[in-house]
Amino acid sequence: MSAVTDTTHDAEHAAEAHDGHHTPSDRHFIIIAGWLALLTALETSTYWIDLGSFATPLLLIMMTIKFFMIILVFMHLKYDSKLFSVMFYIGLGLAILVYSVFLATFQFFAR
């Protein structure tokens, strides 16, 4: 019975390697979560540390890094079919476009 299980297990790994799918280990997710926690701590520290005009660009950069870490790793876009990534980015682009049109309609940028 063990030989059958081992053969099935080996066949699954061979098929997985052939398809190019890679499932990250739990350790990988923990490391990413640690980086996200560190970035969050840095973001919240800007409340107590006055960085002047450098604070907003720094917060935007950290926000973008966290956003892409989450969608690529925890939403599995890095490991899934590229079709899902394309669909996500098209939706993201449309959302940004609609939000920009909304702000332009109410003359947000004219201030």
N, C-alpha and C. Protein backbone atom coordinates (compact mmCIF):
# COMPACT_ATOMS: atom_id res chain seq x y z
N MET A 1 0.82 -1.19 0.00
CA MET A 1 0.00 0.00 0.00
C MET A 1 0.87 1.26 0.00
N SER A 2 1.99 1.20 0.68
CA SER A 2 2.88 2.35 0.73
C SER A 2 3.48 2.64 -0.64
N ALA A 3 3.79 1.60 -1.39
CA ALA A 3 4.36 1.78 -2.72
C ALA A 3 3.37 2.48 -3.65
N VAL A 4 2.09 2.14 -3.52
CA VAL A 4 1.07 2.78 -4.35
C VAL A 4 0.95 4.25 -3.99
N THR A 5 0.96 4.54 -2.69
CA THR A 5 0.87 5.93 -2.24
C THR A 5 2.08 6.73 -2.69
N ASP A 6 3.28 6.13 -2.59
CA ASP A 6 4.50 6.82 -3.01
C ASP A 6 4.49 7.08 -4.52
N THR A 7 4.01 6.12 -5.29
CA THR A 7 3.95 6.29 -6.73
C THR A 7 2.98 7.39 -7.11
N THR A 8 1.82 7.42 -6.45
CA THR A 8 0.83 8.47 -6.70
C THR A 8 1.39 9.83 -6.31
N HIS A 9 2.07 9.87 -5.16
CA HIS A 9 2.66 11.11 -4.67
C HIS A 9 3.73 11.61 -5.64
N ASP A 10 4.58 10.68 -6.15
CA ASP A 10 5.62 11.07 -7.10
C ASP A 10 5.01 11.56 -8.41
N ALA A 11 3.94 10.92 -8.85
CA ALA A 11 3.28 11.34 -10.09
C ALA A 11 2.69 12.74 -9.94
N GLU A 12 2.13 13.03 -8.76
CA GLU A 12 1.57 14.36 -8.52
C GLU A 12 2.67 15.41 -8.56
N HIS A 13 3.82 15.11 -7.93
CA HIS A 13 4.92 16.07 -7.94
C HIS A 13 5.47 16.26 -9.35
N ALA A 14 5.54 15.19 -10.13
CA ALA A 14 6.04 15.31 -11.50
C ALA A 14 5.10 16.16 -12.34
N ALA A 15 3.79 15.95 -12.18
CA ALA A 15 2.82 16.75 -12.92
C ALA A 15 2.88 18.20 -12.48
N GLU A 16 3.06 18.42 -11.19
CA GLU A 16 3.15 19.77 -10.66
C GLU A 16 4.39 20.48 -11.19
N ALA A 17 5.51 19.78 -11.24
CA ALA A 17 6.76 20.36 -11.74
C ALA A 17 6.66 20.62 -13.24
N HIS A 18 5.97 19.74 -13.95
CA HIS A 18 5.81 19.90 -15.39
C HIS A 18 4.95 21.11 -15.73
N ASP A 19 3.89 21.33 -14.96
CA ASP A 19 3.01 22.47 -15.20
C ASP A 19 3.63 23.79 -14.78
N GLY A 20 4.68 23.75 -13.97
CA GLY A 20 5.31 24.97 -13.52
C GLY A 20 4.66 25.58 -12.29
N HIS A 21 3.72 24.86 -11.70
CA HIS A 21 3.06 25.38 -10.50
C HIS A 21 3.97 25.16 -9.31
N HIS A 22 4.02 26.17 -8.48
CA HIS A 22 4.84 26.09 -7.28
C HIS A 22 4.00 26.58 -6.12
N THR A 23 3.88 25.74 -5.11
CA THR A 23 3.15 26.12 -3.92
C THR A 23 4.16 26.48 -2.85
N PRO A 24 4.13 27.70 -2.35
CA PRO A 24 5.11 28.09 -1.34
C PRO A 24 4.87 27.38 -0.01
N SER A 25 5.92 27.30 0.76
CA SER A 25 5.82 26.66 2.06
C SER A 25 5.21 27.61 3.08
N ASP A 26 4.85 27.05 4.23
CA ASP A 26 4.32 27.87 5.31
C ASP A 26 5.36 28.90 5.77
N ARG A 27 6.62 28.50 5.75
CA ARG A 27 7.70 29.40 6.15
C ARG A 27 7.72 30.65 5.27
N HIS A 28 7.49 30.47 3.98
CA HIS A 28 7.46 31.60 3.05
C HIS A 28 6.35 32.58 3.43
N PHE A 29 5.16 32.07 3.75
CA PHE A 29 4.05 32.93 4.14
C PHE A 29 4.36 33.67 5.45
N ILE A 30 5.02 32.99 6.37
CA ILE A 30 5.36 33.61 7.65
C ILE A 30 6.38 34.73 7.44
N ILE A 31 7.34 34.51 6.56
CA ILE A 31 8.34 35.55 6.27
C ILE A 31 7.66 36.77 5.64
N ILE A 32 6.76 36.54 4.69
CA ILE A 32 6.05 37.64 4.06
C ILE A 32 5.20 38.38 5.09
N ALA A 33 4.54 37.64 5.98
CA ALA A 33 3.74 38.27 7.03
C ALA A 33 4.62 39.11 7.95
N GLY A 34 5.82 38.65 8.22
CA GLY A 34 6.76 39.43 9.03
C GLY A 34 7.15 40.74 8.35
N TRP A 35 7.42 40.68 7.04
CA TRP A 35 7.73 41.90 6.30
C TRP A 35 6.55 42.86 6.29
N LEU A 36 5.34 42.31 6.13
CA LEU A 36 4.15 43.15 6.16
C LEU A 36 3.97 43.82 7.53
N ALA A 37 4.25 43.07 8.59
CA ALA A 37 4.15 43.64 9.94
C ALA A 37 5.18 44.75 10.13
N LEU A 38 6.39 44.53 9.62
CA LEU A 38 7.44 45.54 9.73
C LEU A 38 7.05 46.81 8.97
N LEU A 39 6.55 46.65 7.75
CA LEU A 39 6.12 47.82 6.98
C LEU A 39 4.96 48.55 7.66
N THR A 40 4.04 47.79 8.25
CA THR A 40 2.93 48.41 8.97
C THR A 40 3.45 49.19 10.18
N ALA A 41 4.42 48.63 10.89
CA ALA A 41 5.01 49.33 12.03
C ALA A 41 5.69 50.63 11.58
N LEU A 42 6.37 50.57 10.44
CA LEU A 42 7.00 51.78 9.92
C LEU A 42 5.96 52.82 9.51
N GLU A 43 4.87 52.35 8.90
CA GLU A 43 3.81 53.28 8.51
C GLU A 43 3.19 53.96 9.73
N THR A 44 2.90 53.18 10.75
CA THR A 44 2.27 53.77 11.93
C THR A 44 3.24 54.64 12.72
N SER A 45 4.54 54.38 12.58
CA SER A 45 5.51 55.21 13.30
C SER A 45 5.58 56.62 12.75
N THR A 46 5.08 56.83 11.54
CA THR A 46 5.08 58.18 10.99
C THR A 46 4.11 59.09 11.75
N TYR A 47 3.25 58.50 12.54
CA TYR A 47 2.35 59.30 13.38
C TYR A 47 3.13 60.01 14.49
N TRP A 48 4.16 59.33 15.01
CA TRP A 48 4.93 59.90 16.12
C TRP A 48 6.20 60.60 15.66
N ILE A 49 6.72 60.20 14.52
CA ILE A 49 7.96 60.79 14.00
C ILE A 49 7.61 61.76 12.89
N ASP A 50 8.00 63.01 13.05
CA ASP A 50 7.68 64.03 12.05
C ASP A 50 8.71 63.95 10.92
N LEU A 51 8.26 63.55 9.74
CA LEU A 51 9.14 63.45 8.58
C LEU A 51 8.94 64.59 7.60
N GLY A 52 8.07 65.52 7.94
CA GLY A 52 7.83 66.68 7.08
C GLY A 52 7.18 66.29 5.77
N SER A 53 7.69 66.88 4.69
CA SER A 53 7.11 66.63 3.37
C SER A 53 7.51 65.26 2.82
N PHE A 54 8.43 64.58 3.47
CA PHE A 54 8.87 63.26 3.03
C PHE A 54 7.89 62.16 3.46
N ALA A 55 6.99 62.46 4.39
CA ALA A 55 6.08 61.45 4.95
C ALA A 55 5.11 60.90 3.92
N THR A 56 4.49 61.76 3.14
CA THR A 56 3.48 61.29 2.18
C THR A 56 4.08 60.39 1.10
N PRO A 57 5.19 60.77 0.44
CA PRO A 57 5.77 59.85 -0.54
C PRO A 57 6.22 58.53 0.09
N LEU A 58 6.78 58.60 1.30
CA LEU A 58 7.21 57.39 1.98
C LEU A 58 6.04 56.47 2.28
N LEU A 59 4.94 57.03 2.75
CA LEU A 59 3.74 56.24 3.03
C LEU A 59 3.17 55.63 1.75
N LEU A 60 3.16 56.39 0.66
CA LEU A 60 2.66 55.86 -0.61
C LEU A 60 3.52 54.71 -1.13
N ILE A 61 4.82 54.83 -0.98
CA ILE A 61 5.73 53.77 -1.41
C ILE A 61 5.50 52.51 -0.57
N MET A 62 5.44 52.65 0.75
CA MET A 62 5.22 51.49 1.61
C MET A 62 3.85 50.86 1.35
N MET A 63 2.84 51.69 1.11
CA MET A 63 1.50 51.19 0.81
C MET A 63 1.52 50.36 -0.48
N THR A 64 2.23 50.84 -1.49
CA THR A 64 2.30 50.13 -2.76
C THR A 64 3.03 48.80 -2.62
N ILE A 65 4.12 48.80 -1.87
CA ILE A 65 4.86 47.56 -1.64
C ILE A 65 3.98 46.54 -0.93
N LYS A 66 3.28 46.97 0.11
CA LYS A 66 2.40 46.05 0.84
C LYS A 66 1.27 45.53 -0.06
N PHE A 67 0.71 46.42 -0.87
CA PHE A 67 -0.37 46.03 -1.78
C PHE A 67 0.08 44.91 -2.70
N PHE A 68 1.24 45.08 -3.34
CA PHE A 68 1.70 44.07 -4.27
C PHE A 68 2.15 42.79 -3.57
N MET A 69 2.72 42.90 -2.38
CA MET A 69 3.07 41.69 -1.63
C MET A 69 1.82 40.88 -1.32
N ILE A 70 0.77 41.55 -0.93
CA ILE A 70 -0.47 40.84 -0.57
C ILE A 70 -1.11 40.21 -1.79
N ILE A 71 -1.24 40.97 -2.88
CA ILE A 71 -1.92 40.37 -4.04
C ILE A 71 -1.09 39.30 -4.70
N LEU A 72 0.22 39.43 -4.71
CA LEU A 72 1.04 38.42 -5.36
C LEU A 72 1.17 37.14 -4.53
N VAL A 73 1.32 37.27 -3.22
CA VAL A 73 1.56 36.09 -2.39
C VAL A 73 0.28 35.55 -1.78
N PHE A 74 -0.45 36.38 -1.05
CA PHE A 74 -1.61 35.87 -0.32
C PHE A 74 -2.84 35.67 -1.21
N MET A 75 -2.92 36.41 -2.32
CA MET A 75 -4.00 36.17 -3.28
C MET A 75 -3.55 35.21 -4.38
N HIS A 76 -2.31 34.73 -4.28
CA HIS A 76 -1.74 33.70 -5.15
C HIS A 76 -1.63 34.10 -6.62
N LEU A 77 -1.62 35.39 -6.92
CA LEU A 77 -1.48 35.79 -8.32
C LEU A 77 -0.10 35.43 -8.88
N LYS A 78 0.87 35.32 -8.01
CA LYS A 78 2.22 34.97 -8.45
C LYS A 78 2.29 33.51 -8.89
N TYR A 79 1.45 32.66 -8.32
CA TYR A 79 1.55 31.22 -8.56
C TYR A 79 0.43 30.69 -9.44
N ASP A 80 -0.59 31.46 -9.71
CA ASP A 80 -1.71 31.01 -10.52
C ASP A 80 -1.50 31.34 -11.99
N SER A 81 -2.50 31.03 -12.77
CA SER A 81 -2.47 31.31 -14.19
C SER A 81 -2.33 32.81 -14.45
N LYS A 82 -1.62 33.15 -15.51
CA LYS A 82 -1.43 34.56 -15.86
C LYS A 82 -2.76 35.23 -16.23
N LEU A 83 -3.74 34.44 -16.63
CA LEU A 83 -5.05 34.97 -16.96
C LEU A 83 -5.67 35.69 -15.76
N PHE A 84 -5.50 35.10 -14.56
CA PHE A 84 -6.04 35.73 -13.35
C PHE A 84 -5.34 37.05 -13.07
N SER A 85 -4.04 37.11 -13.32
CA SER A 85 -3.31 38.36 -13.12
C SER A 85 -3.81 39.43 -14.09
N VAL A 86 -3.99 39.04 -15.35
CA VAL A 86 -4.47 39.99 -16.35
C VAL A 86 -5.85 40.51 -15.96
N MET A 87 -6.73 39.61 -15.55
CA MET A 87 -8.08 40.03 -15.15
C MET A 87 -8.03 40.96 -13.95
N PHE A 88 -7.16 40.68 -12.98
CA PHE A 88 -7.03 41.53 -11.80
C PHE A 88 -6.54 42.92 -12.19
N TYR A 89 -5.49 42.98 -13.02
CA TYR A 89 -4.92 44.27 -13.38
C TYR A 89 -5.85 45.09 -14.26
N ILE A 90 -6.64 44.43 -15.11
CA ILE A 90 -7.65 45.16 -15.89
C ILE A 90 -8.68 45.77 -14.95
N GLY A 91 -9.15 44.99 -13.97
CA GLY A 91 -10.10 45.52 -12.99
C GLY A 91 -9.51 46.65 -12.17
N LEU A 92 -8.26 46.51 -11.77
CA LEU A 92 -7.59 47.56 -11.01
C LEU A 92 -7.47 48.84 -11.84
N GLY A 93 -7.10 48.69 -13.12
CA GLY A 93 -6.99 49.85 -13.99
C GLY A 93 -8.33 50.54 -14.19
N LEU A 94 -9.39 49.76 -14.37
CA LEU A 94 -10.73 50.34 -14.51
C LEU A 94 -11.17 51.06 -13.24
N ALA A 95 -10.86 50.48 -12.08
CA ALA A 95 -11.22 51.12 -10.82
C ALA A 95 -10.49 52.45 -10.65
N ILE A 96 -9.22 52.48 -10.99
CA ILE A 96 -8.45 53.73 -10.90
C ILE A 96 -9.01 54.76 -11.88
N LEU A 97 -9.36 54.32 -13.08
CA LEU A 97 -9.94 55.22 -14.08
C LEU A 97 -11.27 55.81 -13.60
N VAL A 98 -12.14 54.98 -13.07
CA VAL A 98 -13.44 55.45 -12.58
C VAL A 98 -13.25 56.42 -11.42
N TYR A 99 -12.34 56.12 -10.51
CA TYR A 99 -12.08 56.99 -9.37
C TYR A 99 -11.51 58.33 -9.84
N SER A 100 -10.61 58.29 -10.82
CA SER A 100 -10.04 59.54 -11.35
C SER A 100 -11.10 60.39 -12.03
N VAL A 101 -11.99 59.76 -12.79
CA VAL A 101 -13.08 60.50 -13.44
C VAL A 101 -14.00 61.10 -12.38
N PHE A 102 -14.27 60.34 -11.34
CA PHE A 102 -15.11 60.85 -10.24
C PHE A 102 -14.49 62.09 -9.61
N LEU A 103 -13.18 62.03 -9.32
CA LEU A 103 -12.50 63.18 -8.72
C LEU A 103 -12.48 64.37 -9.68
N ALA A 104 -12.27 64.09 -10.96
CA ALA A 104 -12.25 65.18 -11.94
C ALA A 104 -13.63 65.81 -12.09
N THR A 105 -14.67 65.01 -11.98
CA THR A 105 -16.03 65.52 -12.10
C THR A 105 -16.33 66.54 -11.01
N PHE A 106 -15.87 66.28 -9.82
CA PHE A 106 -16.11 67.19 -8.71
C PHE A 106 -14.97 68.17 -8.49
N GLN A 107 -14.14 68.34 -9.52
CA GLN A 107 -13.06 69.32 -9.55
C GLN A 107 -12.12 69.20 -8.36
N PHE A 108 -11.81 67.98 -8.00
CA PHE A 108 -10.89 67.74 -6.90
C PHE A 108 -9.49 68.22 -7.23
N PHE A 109 -9.09 68.07 -8.50
CA PHE A 109 -7.73 68.41 -8.91
C PHE A 109 -7.56 69.91 -9.13
N ALA A 110 -8.63 70.66 -9.21
CA ALA A 110 -8.56 72.11 -9.47
C ALA A 110 -8.13 72.90 -8.23
N ARG A 111 -8.15 72.30 -7.09
CA ARG A 111 -7.84 73.04 -5.85
C ARG A 111 -6.41 73.43 -5.76
